[in-house]
Amino acid sequence: KKILIPKAEMEKLLKEHGKEIWKKLRVALDKVGTVWKNDDYRVHVGIEHKPNTKNWDLQVNKGASKRSKSLIEGGRGTHKKLFFDEFNSNILPNKETWKQNILRQFDK
């Protein structure tokens, strides 16, 4: 899937909120929907499409700053996925491994 958030913005988000997002994902293994949000972004956990796999994505909030909204193609609709990832629902990697796995996707 295409990544629509700049790597520098993702690095900033992970630096400021990565620990909190990671913790929310750990307890959200049996949930669907928004598990974390700030003024600009939200993390949405989806349903399992593969056995033992949980997916999540980063979306822009409706009341986000113009800079964050500019990441959405066409500038409308806040359900656009800026970043998509998945993990084994039985074992969420430790926080540092999780962050490195996210950032590694920008190098593909």
C-alpha atoms as a PDB file:
ATOM      1  CA  LYS A   1       0.000   0.000   0.000  1.00  0.00           C
ATOM      2  CA  LYS A   2       1.147   3.505  -0.790  1.00  0.00           C
ATOM      3  CA  ILE A   3       2.467   5.541   2.154  1.00  0.00           C
ATOM      4  CA  LEU A   4       0.945   9.037   2.124  1.00  0.00           C
ATOM      5  CA  ILE A   5       2.695  10.515   5.148  1.00  0.00           C
ATOM      6  CA  PRO A   6       6.280  11.809   4.847  1.00  0.00           C
ATOM      7  CA  LYS A   7       8.882   9.764   6.721  1.00  0.00           C
ATOM      8  CA  ALA A   8       9.926  12.824   8.759  1.00  0.00           C
ATOM      9  CA  GLU A   9       6.322  13.330   9.904  1.00  0.00           C
ATOM     10  CA  MET A  10       6.033   9.651  10.874  1.00  0.00           C
ATOM     11  CA  GLU A  11       9.339   9.839  12.763  1.00  0.00           C
ATOM     12  CA  LYS A  12       8.042  12.881  14.654  1.00  0.00           C
ATOM     13  CA  LEU A  13       4.759  11.130  15.439  1.00  0.00           C
ATOM     14  CA  LEU A  14       6.579   8.030  16.692  1.00  0.00           C
ATOM     15  CA  LYS A  15       8.981  10.111  18.776  1.00  0.00           C
ATOM     16  CA  GLU A  16       6.164  12.067  20.427  1.00  0.00           C
ATOM     17  CA  HIS A  17       3.448   9.403  20.640  1.00  0.00           C
ATOM     18  CA  GLY A  18       4.974   6.045  19.664  1.00  0.00           C
ATOM     19  CA  LYS A  19       5.014   4.564  23.157  1.00  0.00           C
ATOM     20  CA  GLU A  20       1.377   5.483  23.745  1.00  0.00           C
ATOM     21  CA  ILE A  21       0.271   4.171  20.314  1.00  0.00           C
ATOM     22  CA  TRP A  22       2.185   0.924  20.829  1.00  0.00           C
ATOM     23  CA  LYS A  23       0.573   0.425  24.251  1.00  0.00           C
ATOM     24  CA  LYS A  24      -2.892   1.054  22.788  1.00  0.00           C
ATOM     25  CA  LEU A  25      -2.259  -1.494  20.025  1.00  0.00           C
ATOM     26  CA  ARG A  26      -1.177  -4.066  22.633  1.00  0.00           C
ATOM     27  CA  VAL A  27      -4.516  -3.858  24.425  1.00  0.00           C
ATOM     28  CA  ALA A  28      -6.541  -3.517  21.214  1.00  0.00           C
ATOM     29  CA  LEU A  29      -5.924  -7.022  19.936  1.00  0.00           C
ATOM     30  CA  ASP A  30      -9.615  -7.866  20.302  1.00  0.00           C
ATOM     31  CA  LYS A  31     -10.978  -4.449  19.256  1.00  0.00           C
ATOM     32  CA  VAL A  32     -11.940  -2.758  15.997  1.00  0.00           C
ATOM     33  CA  GLY A  33     -12.010   1.013  15.541  1.00  0.00           C
ATOM     34  CA  THR A  34     -10.061   3.994  16.796  1.00  0.00           C
ATOM     35  CA  VAL A  35      -7.653   3.115  19.606  1.00  0.00           C
ATOM     36  CA  TRP A  36      -5.559   6.319  19.726  1.00  0.00           C
ATOM     37  CA  LYS A  37      -5.912   9.898  18.511  1.00  0.00           C
ATOM     38  CA  ASN A  38      -4.539  13.390  18.895  1.00  0.00           C
ATOM     39  CA  ASP A  39      -5.608  16.661  17.256  1.00  0.00           C
ATOM     40  CA  ASP A  40      -4.342  15.663  13.800  1.00  0.00           C
ATOM     41  CA  TYR A  41      -4.226  11.879  13.528  1.00  0.00           C
ATOM     42  CA  ARG A  42      -5.893   8.712  14.704  1.00  0.00           C
ATOM     43  CA  VAL A  43      -4.895   5.048  14.733  1.00  0.00           C
ATOM     44  CA  HIS A  44      -7.655   2.735  13.578  1.00  0.00           C
ATOM     45  CA  VAL A  45      -7.536  -1.019  14.129  1.00  0.00           C
ATOM     46  CA  GLY A  46      -9.280  -3.117  11.503  1.00  0.00           C
ATOM     47  CA  ILE A  47     -10.725  -6.586  11.400  1.00  0.00           C
ATOM     48  CA  GLU A  48      -8.516  -9.585  10.769  1.00  0.00           C
ATOM     49  CA  HIS A  49      -8.284 -10.470   7.090  1.00  0.00           C
ATOM     50  CA  LYS A  50      -5.699 -13.194   7.699  1.00  0.00           C
ATOM     51  CA  PRO A  51      -5.610 -15.649  10.610  1.00  0.00           C
ATOM     52  CA  ASN A  52      -3.714 -14.309  13.658  1.00  0.00           C
ATOM     53  CA  THR A  53      -3.019 -10.995  11.911  1.00  0.00           C
ATOM     54  CA  LYS A  54      -4.213  -7.601  13.094  1.00  0.00           C
ATOM     55  CA  ASN A  55      -4.059  -4.571  10.828  1.00  0.00           C
ATOM     56  CA  TRP A  56      -4.018  -0.916  11.721  1.00  0.00           C
ATOM     57  CA  ASP A  57      -3.775   2.341   9.841  1.00  0.00           C
ATOM     58  CA  LEU A  58      -3.051   6.001  10.440  1.00  0.00           C
ATOM     59  CA  GLN A  59      -5.767   8.455   9.368  1.00  0.00           C
ATOM     60  CA  VAL A  60      -6.236  12.235   9.494  1.00  0.00           C
ATOM     61  CA  ASN A  61      -8.832  13.646  11.899  1.00  0.00           C
ATOM     62  CA  LYS A  62     -11.648  15.879  10.677  1.00  0.00           C
ATOM     63  CA  GLY A  63     -10.433  18.876  12.712  1.00  0.00           C
ATOM     64  CA  ALA A  64      -6.770  18.411  11.806  1.00  0.00           C
ATOM     65  CA  SER A  65      -4.390  21.228  10.939  1.00  0.00           C
ATOM     66  CA  LYS A  66      -4.129  22.324   7.307  1.00  0.00           C
ATOM     67  CA  ARG A  67      -0.674  20.746   7.130  1.00  0.00           C
ATOM     68  CA  SER A  68      -2.014  17.347   8.169  1.00  0.00           C
ATOM     69  CA  LYS A  69      -5.059  17.622   5.926  1.00  0.00           C
ATOM     70  CA  SER A  70      -2.791  18.458   2.996  1.00  0.00           C
ATOM     71  CA  LEU A  71      -1.590  14.841   3.133  1.00  0.00           C
ATOM     72  CA  ILE A  72      -5.001  13.721   1.876  1.00  0.00           C
ATOM     73  CA  GLU A  73      -5.233  13.613  -1.890  1.00  0.00           C
ATOM     74  CA  GLY A  74      -7.952  16.071  -2.879  1.00  0.00           C
ATOM     75  CA  GLY A  75      -8.006  17.609   0.612  1.00  0.00           C
ATOM     76  CA  ARG A  76     -11.271  15.946   1.613  1.00  0.00           C
ATOM     77  CA  GLY A  77     -12.411  12.826   3.402  1.00  0.00           C
ATOM     78  CA  THR A  78     -10.581  11.916   6.559  1.00  0.00           C
ATOM     79  CA  HIS A  79     -10.754   8.134   6.178  1.00  0.00           C
ATOM     80  CA  LYS A  80      -7.818   8.124   3.769  1.00  0.00           C
ATOM     81  CA  LYS A  81      -5.151   5.781   5.062  1.00  0.00           C
ATOM     82  CA  LEU A  82      -1.809   7.591   5.334  1.00  0.00           C
ATOM     83  CA  PHE A  83      -0.031   4.476   6.525  1.00  0.00           C
ATOM     84  CA  PHE A  84      -1.048   0.825   6.837  1.00  0.00           C
ATOM     85  CA  ASP A  85       0.595  -1.956   8.831  1.00  0.00           C
ATOM     86  CA  GLU A  86      -0.181  -5.357  10.274  1.00  0.00           C
ATOM     87  CA  PHE A  87       1.247  -7.585  12.964  1.00  0.00           C
ATOM     88  CA  ASN A  88       0.814 -11.041  14.448  1.00  0.00           C
ATOM     89  CA  SER A  89      -2.105 -10.679  16.844  1.00  0.00           C
ATOM     90  CA  ASN A  90      -0.583 -13.263  19.183  1.00  0.00           C
ATOM     91  CA  ILE A  91       2.721 -11.392  19.557  1.00  0.00           C
ATOM     92  CA  LEU A  92       3.053  -7.634  19.129  1.00  0.00           C
ATOM     93  CA  PRO A  93       6.782  -6.900  18.753  1.00  0.00           C
ATOM     94  CA  ASN A  94       8.514  -4.878  21.459  1.00  0.00           C
ATOM     95  CA  LYS A  95       8.241  -1.111  21.076  1.00  0.00           C
ATOM     96  CA  GLU A  96      11.607  -0.508  19.392  1.00  0.00           C
ATOM     97  CA  THR A  97      11.186  -3.376  16.921  1.00  0.00           C
ATOM     98  CA  TRP A  98       7.670  -2.119  16.120  1.00  0.00           C
ATOM     99  CA  LYS A  99       8.980   1.411  15.432  1.00  0.00           C
ATOM    100  CA  GLN A 100      11.848   0.129  13.274  1.00  0.00           C
ATOM    101  CA  ASN A 101       9.451  -2.071  11.283  1.00  0.00           C
ATOM    102  CA  ILE A 102       7.325   1.002  10.554  1.00  0.00           C
ATOM    103  CA  LEU A 103      10.256   3.183   9.478  1.00  0.00           C
ATOM    104  CA  ARG A 104      11.746   0.393   7.355  1.00  0.00           C
ATOM    105  CA  GLN A 105       8.635   0.469   5.161  1.00  0.00           C
ATOM    106  CA  PHE A 106       9.602   3.959   3.959  1.00  0.00           C
ATOM    107  CA  ASP A 107      12.806   2.554   2.460  1.00  0.00           C
ATOM    108  CA  LYS A 108      11.038   0.087   0.162  1.00  0.00           C
END
